[in-house]
Amino acid sequence: MKTTLTLSMAAALVAGSINPALADDQAKIDATLSRLGTSCKNAVAAKFHGVSMADIEVTVGATLQQSLDSGSMGLKDLRQYGASYNWAVPGKKAEGSCEVNAKGKVTQFTGK
């Protein structure tokens, strides 16, 4: 879904219907989410020794994604507060969530 959104934005930018500054902000948001998500993924990997990184799924928390999509939260907020993620290791039937601060430190980790 995220890839589809990014491709749609790229197509709209080429067509001239999106302000280039907005596209730049979206790219920065995506990069920030990816960087912070990696911290969550690393925390999951530390908990489940022997599980490959490819077997760990990390997604942006639904509430955060909704706030980003609606525009009520943006790059400035991510850089100030960090982000929340859901994680899963399907092979272990494990799932949970983590909060990552703006510096990339996992501040809360829950799961089973």
C-alpha atoms as a PDB file:
ATOM      1  CA  MET A   1       0.000   0.000   0.000  1.00  0.00           C
ATOM      2  CA  LYS A   2       2.803   2.427   0.894  1.00  0.00           C
ATOM      3  CA  THR A   3       4.522   1.668  -2.414  1.00  0.00           C
ATOM      4  CA  THR A   4       1.269   2.364  -4.262  1.00  0.00           C
ATOM      5  CA  LEU A   5       0.901   5.688  -2.463  1.00  0.00           C
ATOM      6  CA  THR A   6       4.484   6.659  -3.263  1.00  0.00           C
ATOM      7  CA  LEU A   7       4.050   5.710  -6.931  1.00  0.00           C
ATOM      8  CA  SER A   8       0.777   7.624  -7.105  1.00  0.00           C
ATOM      9  CA  MET A   9       2.462  10.697  -5.664  1.00  0.00           C
ATOM     10  CA  ALA A  10       5.327  10.381  -8.148  1.00  0.00           C
ATOM     11  CA  ALA A  11       2.861  10.135 -11.046  1.00  0.00           C
ATOM     12  CA  ALA A  12       0.927  13.144  -9.759  1.00  0.00           C
ATOM     13  CA  LEU A  13       4.149  15.126  -9.389  1.00  0.00           C
ATOM     14  CA  VAL A  14       5.109  14.355 -12.983  1.00  0.00           C
ATOM     15  CA  ALA A  15       1.620  15.367 -14.095  1.00  0.00           C
ATOM     16  CA  GLY A  16       2.041  18.631 -12.192  1.00  0.00           C
ATOM     17  CA  SER A  17      -0.865  18.171  -9.804  1.00  0.00           C
ATOM     18  CA  ILE A  18       1.243  17.998  -6.614  1.00  0.00           C
ATOM     19  CA  ASN A  19       3.410  20.772  -5.325  1.00  0.00           C
ATOM     20  CA  PRO A  20       7.080  19.652  -5.470  1.00  0.00           C
ATOM     21  CA  ALA A  21       7.543  20.811  -1.859  1.00  0.00           C
ATOM     22  CA  LEU A  22       4.829  18.380  -0.724  1.00  0.00           C
ATOM     23  CA  ALA A  23       6.483  15.540  -2.599  1.00  0.00           C
ATOM     24  CA  ASP A  24       9.796  16.442  -0.956  1.00  0.00           C
ATOM     25  CA  ASP A  25       8.141  16.420   2.479  1.00  0.00           C
ATOM     26  CA  GLN A  26       6.582  13.035   1.724  1.00  0.00           C
ATOM     27  CA  ALA A  27       9.980  11.633   0.758  1.00  0.00           C
ATOM     28  CA  LYS A  28      11.428  12.955   4.029  1.00  0.00           C
ATOM     29  CA  ILE A  29       8.507  11.483   5.992  1.00  0.00           C
ATOM     30  CA  ASP A  30       9.028   8.109   4.289  1.00  0.00           C
ATOM     31  CA  ALA A  31      12.761   8.203   5.047  1.00  0.00           C
ATOM     32  CA  THR A  32      12.143   9.132   8.685  1.00  0.00           C
ATOM     33  CA  LEU A  33       9.556   6.365   9.101  1.00  0.00           C
ATOM     34  CA  SER A  34      11.952   3.874   7.538  1.00  0.00           C
ATOM     35  CA  ARG A  35      14.818   4.921   9.821  1.00  0.00           C
ATOM     36  CA  LEU A  36      12.694   4.751  12.953  1.00  0.00           C
ATOM     37  CA  GLY A  37      11.072   1.491  11.832  1.00  0.00           C
ATOM     38  CA  THR A  38      14.504  -0.082  11.525  1.00  0.00           C
ATOM     39  CA  SER A  39      15.044   0.581  15.229  1.00  0.00           C
ATOM     40  CA  CYS A  40      11.850  -1.301  16.017  1.00  0.00           C
ATOM     41  CA  LYS A  41      12.852  -4.156  13.713  1.00  0.00           C
ATOM     42  CA  ASN A  42      16.264  -4.375  15.412  1.00  0.00           C
ATOM     43  CA  ALA A  43      14.553  -4.617  18.816  1.00  0.00           C
ATOM     44  CA  VAL A  44      12.401  -7.494  17.546  1.00  0.00           C
ATOM     45  CA  ALA A  45      15.482  -9.240  16.131  1.00  0.00           C
ATOM     46  CA  ALA A  46      17.211  -8.925  19.511  1.00  0.00           C
ATOM     47  CA  LYS A  47      14.243 -10.591  21.192  1.00  0.00           C
ATOM     48  CA  PHE A  48      13.998 -13.454  18.699  1.00  0.00           C
ATOM     49  CA  HIS A  49      17.544 -14.706  18.187  1.00  0.00           C
ATOM     50  CA  GLY A  50      17.983 -16.700  15.009  1.00  0.00           C
ATOM     51  CA  VAL A  51      15.059 -15.071  13.179  1.00  0.00           C
ATOM     52  CA  SER A  52      16.150 -13.399   9.951  1.00  0.00           C
ATOM     53  CA  MET A  53      15.352  -9.747   9.396  1.00  0.00           C
ATOM     54  CA  ALA A  54      13.331 -10.792   6.340  1.00  0.00           C
ATOM     55  CA  ASP A  55      10.989 -12.742   8.624  1.00  0.00           C
ATOM     56  CA  ILE A  56      10.180  -9.683  10.758  1.00  0.00           C
ATOM     57  CA  GLU A  57       7.321  -7.459   9.624  1.00  0.00           C
ATOM     58  CA  VAL A  58       7.145  -3.875  10.886  1.00  0.00           C
ATOM     59  CA  THR A  59       4.344  -1.481   9.935  1.00  0.00           C
ATOM     60  CA  VAL A  60       3.481   2.042  10.982  1.00  0.00           C
ATOM     61  CA  GLY A  61       0.836   2.064  13.706  1.00  0.00           C
ATOM     62  CA  ALA A  62      -2.693   2.619  12.368  1.00  0.00           C
ATOM     63  CA  THR A  63      -3.367   5.764  14.396  1.00  0.00           C
ATOM     64  CA  LEU A  64      -0.071   7.330  13.337  1.00  0.00           C
ATOM     65  CA  GLN A  65      -0.687   6.419   9.689  1.00  0.00           C
ATOM     66  CA  GLN A  66      -4.162   7.943   9.873  1.00  0.00           C
ATOM     67  CA  SER A  67      -2.721  11.163  11.334  1.00  0.00           C
ATOM     68  CA  LEU A  68      -0.100  11.343   8.593  1.00  0.00           C
ATOM     69  CA  ASP A  69      -2.675  10.661   5.872  1.00  0.00           C
ATOM     70  CA  SER A  70      -5.038  13.331   7.188  1.00  0.00           C
ATOM     71  CA  GLY A  71      -2.263  15.890   7.497  1.00  0.00           C
ATOM     72  CA  SER A  72      -2.824  16.396  11.218  1.00  0.00           C
ATOM     73  CA  MET A  73       0.718  15.134  11.779  1.00  0.00           C
ATOM     74  CA  GLY A  74       3.746  15.768   9.606  1.00  0.00           C
ATOM     75  CA  LEU A  75       7.503  15.659   9.317  1.00  0.00           C
ATOM     76  CA  LYS A  76       8.039  18.188  12.102  1.00  0.00           C
ATOM     77  CA  ASP A  77       6.032  16.000  14.501  1.00  0.00           C
ATOM     78  CA  LEU A  78       7.939  12.839  13.538  1.00  0.00           C
ATOM     79  CA  ARG A  79      11.226  14.639  14.077  1.00  0.00           C
ATOM     80  CA  GLN A  80      10.059  15.842  17.473  1.00  0.00           C
ATOM     81  CA  TYR A  81       8.141  12.859  18.875  1.00  0.00           C
ATOM     82  CA  GLY A  82       9.111   9.749  16.897  1.00  0.00           C
ATOM     83  CA  ALA A  83       6.687   7.070  15.741  1.00  0.00           C
ATOM     84  CA  SER A  84       4.752   3.974  16.737  1.00  0.00           C
ATOM     85  CA  TYR A  85       4.916   0.634  14.954  1.00  0.00           C
ATOM     86  CA  ASN A  86       3.299  -2.766  14.982  1.00  0.00           C
ATOM     87  CA  TRP A  87       5.550  -5.770  14.505  1.00  0.00           C
ATOM     88  CA  ALA A  88       5.032  -9.439  13.773  1.00  0.00           C
ATOM     89  CA  VAL A  89       7.103 -12.574  13.401  1.00  0.00           C
ATOM     90  CA  PRO A  90       4.612 -14.888  11.682  1.00  0.00           C
ATOM     91  CA  GLY A  91       6.875 -17.943  11.943  1.00  0.00           C
ATOM     92  CA  LYS A  92       6.907 -17.573  15.730  1.00  0.00           C
ATOM     93  CA  LYS A  93       3.252 -16.493  15.968  1.00  0.00           C
ATOM     94  CA  ALA A  94       4.472 -13.411  17.790  1.00  0.00           C
ATOM     95  CA  GLU A  95       3.322  -9.824  17.474  1.00  0.00           C
ATOM     96  CA  GLY A  96       3.405  -6.570  19.357  1.00  0.00           C
ATOM     97  CA  SER A  97       4.201  -2.894  19.128  1.00  0.00           C
ATOM     98  CA  CYS A  98       7.006  -0.494  19.808  1.00  0.00           C
ATOM     99  CA  GLU A  99       7.386   3.217  20.292  1.00  0.00           C
ATOM    100  CA  VAL A 100      10.511   4.807  18.883  1.00  0.00           C
ATOM    101  CA  ASN A 101      11.596   8.317  19.841  1.00  0.00           C
ATOM    102  CA  ALA A 102      12.832  10.827  17.284  1.00  0.00           C
ATOM    103  CA  LYS A 103      16.448   9.796  17.882  1.00  0.00           C
ATOM    104  CA  GLY A 104      15.681   6.188  17.001  1.00  0.00           C
ATOM    105  CA  LYS A 105      15.658   4.772  20.531  1.00  0.00           C
ATOM    106  CA  VAL A 106      12.943   2.225  21.304  1.00  0.00           C
ATOM    107  CA  THR A 107      11.191   3.639  24.365  1.00  0.00           C
ATOM    108  CA  GLN A 108       8.451   1.046  24.694  1.00  0.00           C
ATOM    109  CA  PHE A 109       8.348  -2.540  23.452  1.00  0.00           C
ATOM    110  CA  THR A 110       5.418  -4.867  23.946  1.00  0.00           C
ATOM    111  CA  GLY A 111       4.588  -8.229  22.518  1.00  0.00           C
ATOM    112  CA  LYS A 112       4.145 -11.905  22.911  1.00  0.00           C
END
